[in-house]
Amino acid sequence: MFADLIAWIFAIFFVEPFEAAAREKLAAARAPQEIVRQIGDCARRGAPILAEKGLADPGWIVTTVARIWVGTANIETVLADLDPNCAQAVQAARPYLQQ
C-alpha cells in the first residue's frame, strides 16, 4: 500500500508532467511515432520503478527528489538510469527534446 502511495506521488508530480512535456516537444519536433510511444511506455513504467527503488533505499528517494526539485537532475535521466528500456527511449528522443 505504501508503495502504491509513493508510485502515485511520483506519477503525479514527476512522471506525468515529464510525459506531457516530452510528448509536446516530440510532436513539435515531428519525432517519429515510435519514439513518442517509447517515451510514453517509459513514463508509465517509471512510477512503480521509482517507488520500488525509493522503498528499498529511502535516502535515494530523498536525494533524487531534491536533485529534481533544484534542477541538478531531471526525471528522464533518473528513469533512464533505472530502466534500460527507458535509457534507449530517452537516448532516441534526446535530439528531438533538445530542439
N, C-alpha and C. Protein backbone atom coordinates (compact mmCIF):
# COMPACT_ATOMS: atom_id res chain seq x y z
N MET A 1 0.82 -1.19 0.00
CA MET A 1 0.00 0.00 0.00
C MET A 1 0.87 1.26 0.00
N PHE A 2 1.93 1.25 0.81
CA PHE A 2 2.83 2.41 0.86
C PHE A 2 3.52 2.59 -0.49
N ALA A 3 3.86 1.47 -1.12
CA ALA A 3 4.49 1.54 -2.45
C ALA A 3 3.56 2.18 -3.45
N ASP A 4 2.27 1.87 -3.36
CA ASP A 4 1.29 2.48 -4.26
C ASP A 4 1.21 3.98 -4.05
N LEU A 5 1.27 4.42 -2.80
CA LEU A 5 1.24 5.85 -2.49
C LEU A 5 2.47 6.55 -3.06
N ILE A 6 3.64 5.95 -2.87
CA ILE A 6 4.87 6.53 -3.41
C ILE A 6 4.80 6.59 -4.93
N ALA A 7 4.33 5.51 -5.56
CA ALA A 7 4.20 5.48 -7.02
C ALA A 7 3.24 6.57 -7.49
N TRP A 8 2.14 6.74 -6.79
CA TRP A 8 1.16 7.77 -7.16
C TRP A 8 1.77 9.17 -7.05
N ILE A 9 2.50 9.43 -5.98
CA ILE A 9 3.14 10.73 -5.79
C ILE A 9 4.12 11.00 -6.92
N PHE A 10 4.97 10.02 -7.23
CA PHE A 10 5.91 10.20 -8.33
C PHE A 10 5.19 10.40 -9.65
N ALA A 11 4.13 9.65 -9.86
CA ALA A 11 3.37 9.78 -11.12
C ALA A 11 2.80 11.18 -11.25
N ILE A 12 2.18 11.69 -10.23
CA ILE A 12 1.52 12.99 -10.29
C ILE A 12 2.52 14.14 -10.42
N PHE A 13 3.57 14.12 -9.65
CA PHE A 13 4.47 15.27 -9.59
C PHE A 13 5.65 15.22 -10.55
N PHE A 14 6.03 14.04 -11.01
CA PHE A 14 7.21 13.95 -11.85
C PHE A 14 6.96 13.27 -13.19
N VAL A 15 6.41 12.08 -13.14
CA VAL A 15 6.31 11.27 -14.35
C VAL A 15 5.29 11.82 -15.34
N GLU A 16 4.07 12.13 -14.87
CA GLU A 16 3.06 12.65 -15.78
C GLU A 16 3.45 14.00 -16.39
N PRO A 17 3.98 14.94 -15.61
CA PRO A 17 4.44 16.19 -16.24
C PRO A 17 5.57 15.96 -17.26
N PHE A 18 6.49 15.02 -16.94
CA PHE A 18 7.54 14.69 -17.90
C PHE A 18 6.94 14.14 -19.18
N GLU A 19 6.01 13.19 -19.05
CA GLU A 19 5.42 12.58 -20.24
C GLU A 19 4.69 13.63 -21.08
N ALA A 20 3.92 14.49 -20.45
CA ALA A 20 3.18 15.52 -21.18
C ALA A 20 4.13 16.48 -21.91
N ALA A 21 5.15 16.94 -21.21
CA ALA A 21 6.12 17.86 -21.82
C ALA A 21 6.88 17.17 -22.94
N ALA A 22 7.28 15.93 -22.72
CA ALA A 22 8.03 15.20 -23.75
C ALA A 22 7.17 14.99 -24.98
N ARG A 23 5.92 14.59 -24.79
CA ARG A 23 5.03 14.39 -25.94
C ARG A 23 4.85 15.69 -26.73
N GLU A 24 4.69 16.79 -26.00
CA GLU A 24 4.52 18.09 -26.65
C GLU A 24 5.76 18.46 -27.46
N LYS A 25 6.93 18.32 -26.85
CA LYS A 25 8.17 18.64 -27.55
C LYS A 25 8.42 17.71 -28.73
N LEU A 26 8.15 16.43 -28.54
CA LEU A 26 8.36 15.47 -29.62
C LEU A 26 7.41 15.74 -30.78
N ALA A 27 6.18 16.10 -30.48
CA ALA A 27 5.22 16.42 -31.54
C ALA A 27 5.66 17.67 -32.29
N ALA A 28 6.11 18.69 -31.55
CA ALA A 28 6.55 19.93 -32.18
C ALA A 28 7.78 19.69 -33.06
N ALA A 29 8.63 18.76 -32.64
CA ALA A 29 9.85 18.46 -33.40
C ALA A 29 9.60 17.41 -34.49
N ARG A 30 8.35 16.94 -34.59
CA ARG A 30 7.97 15.93 -35.57
C ARG A 30 8.80 14.65 -35.44
N ALA A 31 8.92 14.23 -34.19
CA ALA A 31 9.64 12.98 -33.92
C ALA A 31 8.83 11.79 -34.43
N PRO A 32 9.49 10.72 -34.80
CA PRO A 32 8.78 9.52 -35.23
C PRO A 32 7.84 9.01 -34.12
N GLN A 33 6.70 8.48 -34.52
CA GLN A 33 5.71 7.99 -33.56
C GLN A 33 6.27 6.89 -32.67
N GLU A 34 7.19 6.11 -33.17
CA GLU A 34 7.79 5.04 -32.36
C GLU A 34 8.52 5.63 -31.16
N ILE A 35 9.21 6.72 -31.35
CA ILE A 35 9.92 7.37 -30.24
C ILE A 35 8.91 7.92 -29.24
N VAL A 36 7.83 8.53 -29.73
CA VAL A 36 6.79 9.06 -28.85
C VAL A 36 6.19 7.91 -28.03
N ARG A 37 5.92 6.79 -28.66
CA ARG A 37 5.36 5.63 -27.97
C ARG A 37 6.33 5.10 -26.91
N GLN A 38 7.61 5.03 -27.26
CA GLN A 38 8.61 4.52 -26.32
C GLN A 38 8.71 5.41 -25.08
N ILE A 39 8.67 6.71 -25.28
CA ILE A 39 8.72 7.64 -24.15
C ILE A 39 7.48 7.48 -23.28
N GLY A 40 6.33 7.32 -23.90
CA GLY A 40 5.10 7.10 -23.14
C GLY A 40 5.16 5.82 -22.33
N ASP A 41 5.66 4.75 -22.95
CA ASP A 41 5.81 3.47 -22.24
C ASP A 41 6.77 3.62 -21.07
N CYS A 42 7.85 4.31 -21.30
CA CYS A 42 8.85 4.54 -20.26
C CYS A 42 8.23 5.29 -19.09
N ALA A 43 7.48 6.33 -19.38
CA ALA A 43 6.85 7.12 -18.33
C ALA A 43 5.85 6.28 -17.53
N ARG A 44 5.07 5.47 -18.20
CA ARG A 44 4.07 4.65 -17.50
C ARG A 44 4.74 3.59 -16.60
N ARG A 45 5.87 3.08 -17.02
CA ARG A 45 6.61 2.11 -16.19
C ARG A 45 7.38 2.80 -15.07
N GLY A 46 7.61 4.10 -15.22
CA GLY A 46 8.50 4.81 -14.32
C GLY A 46 8.08 4.92 -12.88
N ALA A 47 6.82 5.26 -12.63
CA ALA A 47 6.39 5.48 -11.25
C ALA A 47 6.58 4.24 -10.38
N PRO A 48 6.14 3.05 -10.81
CA PRO A 48 6.36 1.87 -9.96
C PRO A 48 7.85 1.55 -9.75
N ILE A 49 8.65 1.77 -10.78
CA ILE A 49 10.09 1.53 -10.65
C ILE A 49 10.69 2.49 -9.63
N LEU A 50 10.29 3.76 -9.71
CA LEU A 50 10.79 4.76 -8.76
C LEU A 50 10.33 4.43 -7.34
N ALA A 51 9.08 4.00 -7.20
CA ALA A 51 8.56 3.65 -5.88
C ALA A 51 9.33 2.47 -5.28
N GLU A 52 9.57 1.46 -6.09
CA GLU A 52 10.30 0.29 -5.62
C GLU A 52 11.70 0.67 -5.16
N LYS A 53 12.38 1.49 -5.96
CA LYS A 53 13.73 1.94 -5.59
C LYS A 53 13.69 2.78 -4.33
N GLY A 54 12.68 3.65 -4.24
CA GLY A 54 12.56 4.52 -3.07
C GLY A 54 12.27 3.77 -1.79
N LEU A 55 11.46 2.72 -1.88
CA LEU A 55 11.18 1.92 -0.69
C LEU A 55 12.40 1.12 -0.26
N ALA A 56 13.18 0.67 -1.22
CA ALA A 56 14.39 -0.09 -0.91
C ALA A 56 15.48 0.81 -0.35
N ASP A 57 15.49 2.06 -0.76
CA ASP A 57 16.55 2.99 -0.36
C ASP A 57 15.95 4.38 -0.14
N PRO A 58 15.39 4.64 1.06
CA PRO A 58 14.74 5.93 1.32
C PRO A 58 15.68 7.13 1.14
N GLY A 59 16.94 6.96 1.43
CA GLY A 59 17.89 8.05 1.24
C GLY A 59 17.99 8.44 -0.23
N TRP A 60 17.93 7.44 -1.11
CA TRP A 60 17.98 7.70 -2.55
C TRP A 60 16.79 8.54 -2.98
N ILE A 61 15.61 8.20 -2.47
CA ILE A 61 14.41 8.92 -2.89
C ILE A 61 14.47 10.37 -2.45
N VAL A 62 14.92 10.62 -1.23
CA VAL A 62 15.02 12.00 -0.73
C VAL A 62 16.03 12.78 -1.57
N THR A 63 17.17 12.19 -1.81
CA THR A 63 18.21 12.85 -2.60
C THR A 63 17.73 13.09 -4.03
N THR A 64 17.08 12.11 -4.62
CA THR A 64 16.62 12.24 -6.01
C THR A 64 15.56 13.31 -6.14
N VAL A 65 14.59 13.31 -5.24
CA VAL A 65 13.55 14.35 -5.28
C VAL A 65 14.18 15.72 -5.12
N ALA A 66 15.11 15.87 -4.21
CA ALA A 66 15.78 17.16 -4.00
C ALA A 66 16.54 17.58 -5.26
N ARG A 67 17.24 16.64 -5.89
CA ARG A 67 18.00 16.97 -7.10
C ARG A 67 17.07 17.39 -8.24
N ILE A 68 15.95 16.70 -8.38
CA ILE A 68 14.98 17.08 -9.42
C ILE A 68 14.41 18.44 -9.12
N TRP A 69 14.07 18.68 -7.87
CA TRP A 69 13.45 19.93 -7.46
C TRP A 69 14.36 21.12 -7.71
N VAL A 70 15.65 20.99 -7.42
CA VAL A 70 16.56 22.11 -7.61
C VAL A 70 17.15 22.18 -9.01
N GLY A 71 16.89 21.15 -9.82
CA GLY A 71 17.31 21.20 -11.21
C GLY A 71 18.65 20.58 -11.53
N THR A 72 19.26 19.89 -10.58
CA THR A 72 20.54 19.24 -10.88
C THR A 72 20.35 17.86 -11.49
N ALA A 73 19.10 17.39 -11.55
CA ALA A 73 18.76 16.13 -12.22
C ALA A 73 17.41 16.34 -12.90
N ASN A 74 17.13 15.50 -13.86
CA ASN A 74 15.81 15.55 -14.48
C ASN A 74 15.22 14.15 -14.49
N ILE A 75 13.91 14.09 -14.61
CA ILE A 75 13.22 12.81 -14.47
C ILE A 75 13.61 11.84 -15.57
N GLU A 76 13.88 12.33 -16.79
CA GLU A 76 14.24 11.39 -17.84
C GLU A 76 15.58 10.71 -17.57
N THR A 77 16.50 11.42 -16.97
CA THR A 77 17.79 10.83 -16.62
C THR A 77 17.61 9.81 -15.50
N VAL A 78 16.79 10.15 -14.52
CA VAL A 78 16.53 9.22 -13.41
C VAL A 78 15.88 7.95 -13.95
N LEU A 79 14.87 8.10 -14.81
CA LEU A 79 14.21 6.92 -15.38
C LEU A 79 15.18 6.10 -16.23
N ALA A 80 15.99 6.78 -17.00
CA ALA A 80 16.96 6.09 -17.86
C ALA A 80 17.97 5.31 -17.02
N ASP A 81 18.34 5.85 -15.87
CA ASP A 81 19.30 5.15 -15.00
C ASP A 81 18.69 3.90 -14.39
N LEU A 82 17.37 3.88 -14.19
CA LEU A 82 16.72 2.76 -13.52
C LEU A 82 16.21 1.68 -14.46
N ASP A 83 15.94 2.04 -15.70
CA ASP A 83 15.32 1.09 -16.63
C ASP A 83 16.06 1.15 -17.96
N PRO A 84 16.73 0.07 -18.35
CA PRO A 84 17.48 0.07 -19.61
C PRO A 84 16.61 0.40 -20.83
N ASN A 85 15.33 -0.03 -20.80
CA ASN A 85 14.44 0.32 -21.91
C ASN A 85 14.20 1.82 -21.97
N CYS A 86 14.11 2.45 -20.81
CA CYS A 86 13.95 3.91 -20.78
C CYS A 86 15.22 4.60 -21.27
N ALA A 87 16.35 4.03 -20.95
CA ALA A 87 17.61 4.63 -21.40
C ALA A 87 17.64 4.68 -22.92
N GLN A 88 17.22 3.61 -23.57
CA GLN A 88 17.20 3.59 -25.04
C GLN A 88 16.19 4.60 -25.58
N ALA A 89 15.02 4.68 -24.96
CA ALA A 89 13.98 5.61 -25.42
C ALA A 89 14.43 7.05 -25.23
N VAL A 90 15.00 7.35 -24.07
CA VAL A 90 15.46 8.71 -23.80
C VAL A 90 16.58 9.10 -24.76
N GLN A 91 17.49 8.18 -25.02
CA GLN A 91 18.57 8.48 -25.96
C GLN A 91 18.03 8.75 -27.36
N ALA A 92 17.05 7.97 -27.79
CA ALA A 92 16.45 8.18 -29.11
C ALA A 92 15.69 9.50 -29.18
N ALA A 93 15.08 9.89 -28.06
CA ALA A 93 14.27 11.12 -28.04
C ALA A 93 15.09 12.37 -27.78
N ARG A 94 16.26 12.23 -27.20
CA ARG A 94 17.05 13.39 -26.78
C ARG A 94 17.27 14.43 -27.88
N PRO A 95 17.61 14.05 -29.12
CA PRO A 95 17.79 15.09 -30.14
C PRO A 95 16.51 15.91 -30.40
N TYR A 96 15.36 15.25 -30.29
CA TYR A 96 14.09 15.95 -30.51
C TYR A 96 13.71 16.79 -29.30
N LEU A 97 14.05 16.31 -28.10
CA LEU A 97 13.72 17.05 -26.88
C LEU A 97 14.57 18.30 -26.73
N GLN A 98 15.75 18.32 -27.33
CA GLN A 98 16.65 19.45 -27.19
C GLN A 98 16.39 20.54 -28.22
N GLN A 99 15.48 20.30 -29.14
CA GLN A 99 15.19 21.31 -30.18
C GLN A 99 14.38 22.44 -29.62
